[in-house]
N, C-alpha and C. Protein backbone atom coordinates (compact mmCIF):
# COMPACT_ATOMS: atom_id res chain seq x y z
N MET A 1 37.77 26.08 4.24
CA MET A 1 37.49 27.23 5.07
C MET A 1 37.64 26.80 6.53
N ASN A 2 38.27 27.64 7.33
CA ASN A 2 38.49 27.26 8.73
C ASN A 2 37.25 27.54 9.57
N GLU A 3 37.22 26.97 10.77
CA GLU A 3 36.04 27.05 11.63
C GLU A 3 35.63 28.47 11.98
N PRO A 4 36.56 29.38 12.35
CA PRO A 4 36.14 30.75 12.64
C PRO A 4 35.50 31.44 11.44
N ALA A 5 36.01 31.17 10.26
CA ALA A 5 35.45 31.79 9.04
C ALA A 5 34.05 31.24 8.78
N ILE A 6 33.86 29.95 8.99
CA ILE A 6 32.54 29.35 8.80
C ILE A 6 31.56 29.93 9.81
N ALA A 7 31.98 30.02 11.06
CA ALA A 7 31.11 30.58 12.11
C ALA A 7 30.75 32.03 11.80
N ALA A 8 31.71 32.80 11.31
CA ALA A 8 31.44 34.20 10.98
C ALA A 8 30.45 34.30 9.83
N ARG A 9 30.58 33.42 8.84
CA ARG A 9 29.66 33.43 7.70
C ARG A 9 28.24 33.07 8.15
N VAL A 10 28.12 32.08 9.01
CA VAL A 10 26.82 31.66 9.51
C VAL A 10 26.17 32.78 10.32
N MET A 11 26.95 33.46 11.14
CA MET A 11 26.41 34.58 11.94
C MET A 11 25.95 35.72 11.04
N LEU A 12 26.72 36.01 10.00
CA LEU A 12 26.34 37.07 9.08
C LEU A 12 25.05 36.72 8.34
N GLU A 13 24.93 35.47 7.92
CA GLU A 13 23.70 35.02 7.25
C GLU A 13 22.50 35.13 8.19
N ALA A 14 22.68 34.77 9.46
CA ALA A 14 21.59 34.86 10.43
C ALA A 14 21.20 36.32 10.67
N GLU A 15 22.18 37.20 10.79
CA GLU A 15 21.89 38.62 10.98
C GLU A 15 21.19 39.20 9.77
N THR A 16 21.62 38.80 8.58
CA THR A 16 21.00 39.28 7.35
C THR A 16 19.55 38.83 7.28
N MET A 17 19.29 37.57 7.62
CA MET A 17 17.93 37.06 7.59
C MET A 17 17.06 37.80 8.61
N MET A 18 17.58 38.04 9.81
CA MET A 18 16.81 38.75 10.83
C MET A 18 16.47 40.16 10.35
N THR A 19 17.39 40.82 9.70
CA THR A 19 17.14 42.16 9.15
C THR A 19 16.05 42.09 8.09
N GLU A 20 16.10 41.07 7.25
CA GLU A 20 15.08 40.90 6.21
C GLU A 20 13.71 40.59 6.82
N LEU A 21 13.69 39.76 7.85
CA LEU A 21 12.42 39.45 8.51
C LEU A 21 11.82 40.70 9.15
N ARG A 22 12.66 41.51 9.79
CA ARG A 22 12.16 42.76 10.38
C ARG A 22 11.57 43.67 9.31
N ALA A 23 12.26 43.76 8.17
CA ALA A 23 11.79 44.62 7.09
C ALA A 23 10.47 44.11 6.52
N LEU A 24 10.34 42.80 6.34
CA LEU A 24 9.08 42.23 5.85
C LEU A 24 7.94 42.52 6.83
N PHE A 25 8.21 42.34 8.11
CA PHE A 25 7.20 42.58 9.14
C PHE A 25 6.78 44.06 9.12
N ALA A 26 7.74 44.95 9.07
CA ALA A 26 7.44 46.38 9.04
C ALA A 26 6.69 46.75 7.77
N GLY A 27 7.07 46.15 6.65
CA GLY A 27 6.42 46.45 5.38
C GLY A 27 4.96 46.06 5.34
N VAL A 28 4.63 44.93 5.93
CA VAL A 28 3.25 44.47 5.90
C VAL A 28 2.38 45.32 6.83
N LEU A 29 3.01 45.94 7.82
CA LEU A 29 2.27 46.83 8.72
C LEU A 29 2.36 48.29 8.26
N ASP A 30 3.00 48.54 7.12
CA ASP A 30 3.21 49.90 6.63
C ASP A 30 3.85 50.77 7.71
N ASP A 31 4.87 50.25 8.32
CA ASP A 31 5.54 50.91 9.43
C ASP A 31 7.04 50.83 9.18
N GLU A 32 7.78 51.72 9.80
CA GLU A 32 9.22 51.61 9.69
C GLU A 32 9.69 50.51 10.64
N VAL A 33 10.87 50.00 10.36
CA VAL A 33 11.41 48.93 11.20
C VAL A 33 11.61 49.48 12.60
N ARG A 34 10.95 48.85 13.55
CA ARG A 34 11.05 49.27 14.93
C ARG A 34 12.02 48.38 15.68
N ASP A 35 12.21 48.66 16.92
CA ASP A 35 13.10 47.87 17.75
C ASP A 35 12.40 46.60 18.21
N ILE A 36 12.16 45.73 17.28
CA ILE A 36 11.51 44.46 17.58
C ILE A 36 12.62 43.45 17.86
N GLU A 37 12.54 42.86 19.02
CA GLU A 37 13.52 41.85 19.40
C GLU A 37 13.12 40.51 18.80
N PRO A 38 14.10 39.64 18.54
CA PRO A 38 13.79 38.34 17.93
C PRO A 38 12.75 37.52 18.69
N GLY A 39 12.67 37.67 20.01
CA GLY A 39 11.73 36.88 20.80
C GLY A 39 10.41 37.57 21.10
N ASP A 40 10.22 38.79 20.59
CA ASP A 40 8.97 39.52 20.83
C ASP A 40 7.79 38.83 20.14
N ASN A 41 6.66 38.76 20.84
CA ASN A 41 5.44 38.22 20.24
C ASN A 41 4.93 39.24 19.22
N LEU A 42 4.90 38.85 17.96
CA LEU A 42 4.55 39.79 16.89
C LEU A 42 3.09 40.21 16.93
N PHE A 43 2.22 39.38 17.50
CA PHE A 43 0.83 39.79 17.64
C PHE A 43 0.73 40.96 18.62
N GLY A 44 1.61 41.00 19.59
CA GLY A 44 1.67 42.11 20.52
C GLY A 44 2.30 43.36 19.93
N CYS A 45 2.95 43.20 18.77
CA CYS A 45 3.60 44.32 18.08
C CYS A 45 2.77 44.82 16.90
N GLY A 46 1.52 44.37 16.80
CA GLY A 46 0.65 44.86 15.74
C GLY A 46 0.29 43.87 14.65
N LEU A 47 0.89 42.68 14.68
CA LEU A 47 0.55 41.68 13.67
C LEU A 47 -0.89 41.20 13.89
N HIS A 48 -1.59 41.00 12.80
CA HIS A 48 -2.94 40.44 12.86
C HIS A 48 -3.05 39.38 11.77
N SER A 49 -4.14 38.64 11.75
CA SER A 49 -4.26 37.48 10.88
C SER A 49 -4.12 37.84 9.39
N LEU A 50 -4.69 38.95 8.97
CA LEU A 50 -4.58 39.32 7.55
C LEU A 50 -3.16 39.70 7.19
N ALA A 51 -2.48 40.38 8.10
CA ALA A 51 -1.07 40.73 7.85
C ALA A 51 -0.22 39.48 7.77
N LEU A 52 -0.51 38.50 8.62
CA LEU A 52 0.22 37.24 8.58
C LEU A 52 0.00 36.54 7.24
N MET A 53 -1.22 36.58 6.74
CA MET A 53 -1.51 35.99 5.43
C MET A 53 -0.68 36.66 4.33
N ARG A 54 -0.50 37.97 4.44
CA ARG A 54 0.30 38.70 3.45
C ARG A 54 1.79 38.37 3.56
N LEU A 55 2.22 37.91 4.71
CA LEU A 55 3.62 37.55 4.91
C LEU A 55 3.96 36.15 4.40
N ILE A 56 2.96 35.31 4.24
CA ILE A 56 3.24 33.92 3.85
C ILE A 56 4.02 33.82 2.53
N PRO A 57 3.64 34.52 1.46
CA PRO A 57 4.42 34.39 0.22
C PRO A 57 5.89 34.80 0.34
N PRO A 58 6.22 35.98 0.90
CA PRO A 58 7.65 36.29 0.98
C PRO A 58 8.41 35.40 1.96
N LEU A 59 7.77 34.99 3.05
CA LEU A 59 8.44 34.07 3.97
C LEU A 59 8.65 32.71 3.33
N SER A 60 7.67 32.26 2.57
CA SER A 60 7.80 30.99 1.85
C SER A 60 8.92 31.06 0.82
N GLN A 61 9.05 32.21 0.18
CA GLN A 61 10.13 32.38 -0.79
C GLN A 61 11.48 32.27 -0.09
N LEU A 62 11.61 32.88 1.07
CA LEU A 62 12.86 32.76 1.84
C LEU A 62 13.13 31.31 2.21
N ALA A 63 12.08 30.57 2.55
CA ALA A 63 12.23 29.19 2.99
C ALA A 63 12.45 28.22 1.83
N GLY A 64 12.04 28.63 0.64
CA GLY A 64 12.16 27.74 -0.50
C GLY A 64 11.04 26.71 -0.58
N THR A 65 10.03 26.88 0.24
CA THR A 65 8.87 26.00 0.26
C THR A 65 7.70 26.75 0.88
N ARG A 66 6.50 26.27 0.62
CA ARG A 66 5.32 26.95 1.16
C ARG A 66 5.25 26.76 2.67
N LEU A 67 5.20 27.86 3.40
CA LEU A 67 5.05 27.81 4.85
C LEU A 67 3.57 27.84 5.20
N ASP A 68 3.24 27.21 6.29
CA ASP A 68 1.87 27.07 6.73
C ASP A 68 1.50 28.17 7.72
N TYR A 69 0.30 28.73 7.55
CA TYR A 69 -0.21 29.77 8.44
C TYR A 69 -0.13 29.32 9.89
N ASP A 70 -0.57 28.11 10.18
CA ASP A 70 -0.60 27.62 11.56
C ASP A 70 0.80 27.56 12.17
N ASP A 71 1.79 27.14 11.38
CA ASP A 71 3.16 27.08 11.90
C ASP A 71 3.67 28.47 12.27
N LEU A 72 3.34 29.45 11.43
CA LEU A 72 3.78 30.82 11.70
C LEU A 72 3.02 31.42 12.88
N ALA A 73 1.72 31.18 12.96
CA ALA A 73 0.90 31.74 14.03
C ALA A 73 1.17 31.08 15.37
N ARG A 74 1.57 29.82 15.35
CA ARG A 74 1.81 29.08 16.59
C ARG A 74 2.98 29.68 17.38
N GLN A 75 3.99 30.14 16.67
CA GLN A 75 5.16 30.75 17.30
C GLN A 75 5.45 32.08 16.59
N PRO A 76 4.71 33.13 16.96
CA PRO A 76 4.81 34.40 16.24
C PRO A 76 5.96 35.29 16.71
N THR A 77 7.17 34.78 16.56
CA THR A 77 8.35 35.59 16.85
C THR A 77 9.29 35.52 15.65
N LEU A 78 10.10 36.54 15.49
CA LEU A 78 11.07 36.54 14.39
C LEU A 78 12.05 35.39 14.55
N ALA A 79 12.45 35.11 15.79
CA ALA A 79 13.40 34.02 16.03
C ALA A 79 12.81 32.67 15.62
N ALA A 80 11.55 32.43 15.96
CA ALA A 80 10.91 31.16 15.59
C ALA A 80 10.75 31.07 14.08
N TRP A 81 10.39 32.18 13.45
CA TRP A 81 10.24 32.16 11.99
C TRP A 81 11.58 31.92 11.31
N GLN A 82 12.63 32.52 11.84
CA GLN A 82 13.96 32.30 11.28
C GLN A 82 14.34 30.83 11.40
N ALA A 83 14.09 30.24 12.55
CA ALA A 83 14.40 28.81 12.74
C ALA A 83 13.58 27.95 11.78
N LEU A 84 12.31 28.28 11.60
CA LEU A 84 11.46 27.53 10.68
C LEU A 84 11.99 27.63 9.24
N ILE A 85 12.40 28.81 8.85
CA ILE A 85 12.94 29.02 7.51
C ILE A 85 14.25 28.24 7.34
N GLU A 86 15.10 28.31 8.34
CA GLU A 86 16.38 27.59 8.27
C GLU A 86 16.16 26.08 8.19
N ARG A 87 15.20 25.56 8.97
CA ARG A 87 14.89 24.12 8.90
C ARG A 87 14.36 23.74 7.52
N SER A 88 13.51 24.61 6.98
CA SER A 88 12.95 24.34 5.65
C SER A 88 14.04 24.34 4.59
N ARG A 89 14.96 25.26 4.69
CA ARG A 89 16.08 25.31 3.74
C ARG A 89 16.95 24.09 3.85
N ALA A 90 17.21 23.64 5.07
CA ALA A 90 18.06 22.47 5.28
C ALA A 90 17.41 21.20 4.78
N GLY A 91 16.07 21.17 4.78
CA GLY A 91 15.34 19.99 4.34
C GLY A 91 15.17 19.87 2.85
N ARG A 92 15.58 20.89 2.13
CA ARG A 92 15.43 20.84 0.66
C ARG A 92 16.34 19.84 0.05
């Protein structure tokens, strides 16, 4: 596969994951997917500790390993969570 095709595949996977993260976040808040930017602080968008606890299982499933509450709460943005998931996947 050539470099542009690889880059396009990686970008599509990243966009797909961001869409899935937005949907998970909206689902736990019983809200429709809003215009949440990847760098928005999710606690400022309605996330609370119990909702974060409910997100751990599906986020862990995406990562392929159990994610820690503290790691997710320390950087509560979709972009940080995506990076954490990608690092976890790469470490498998």
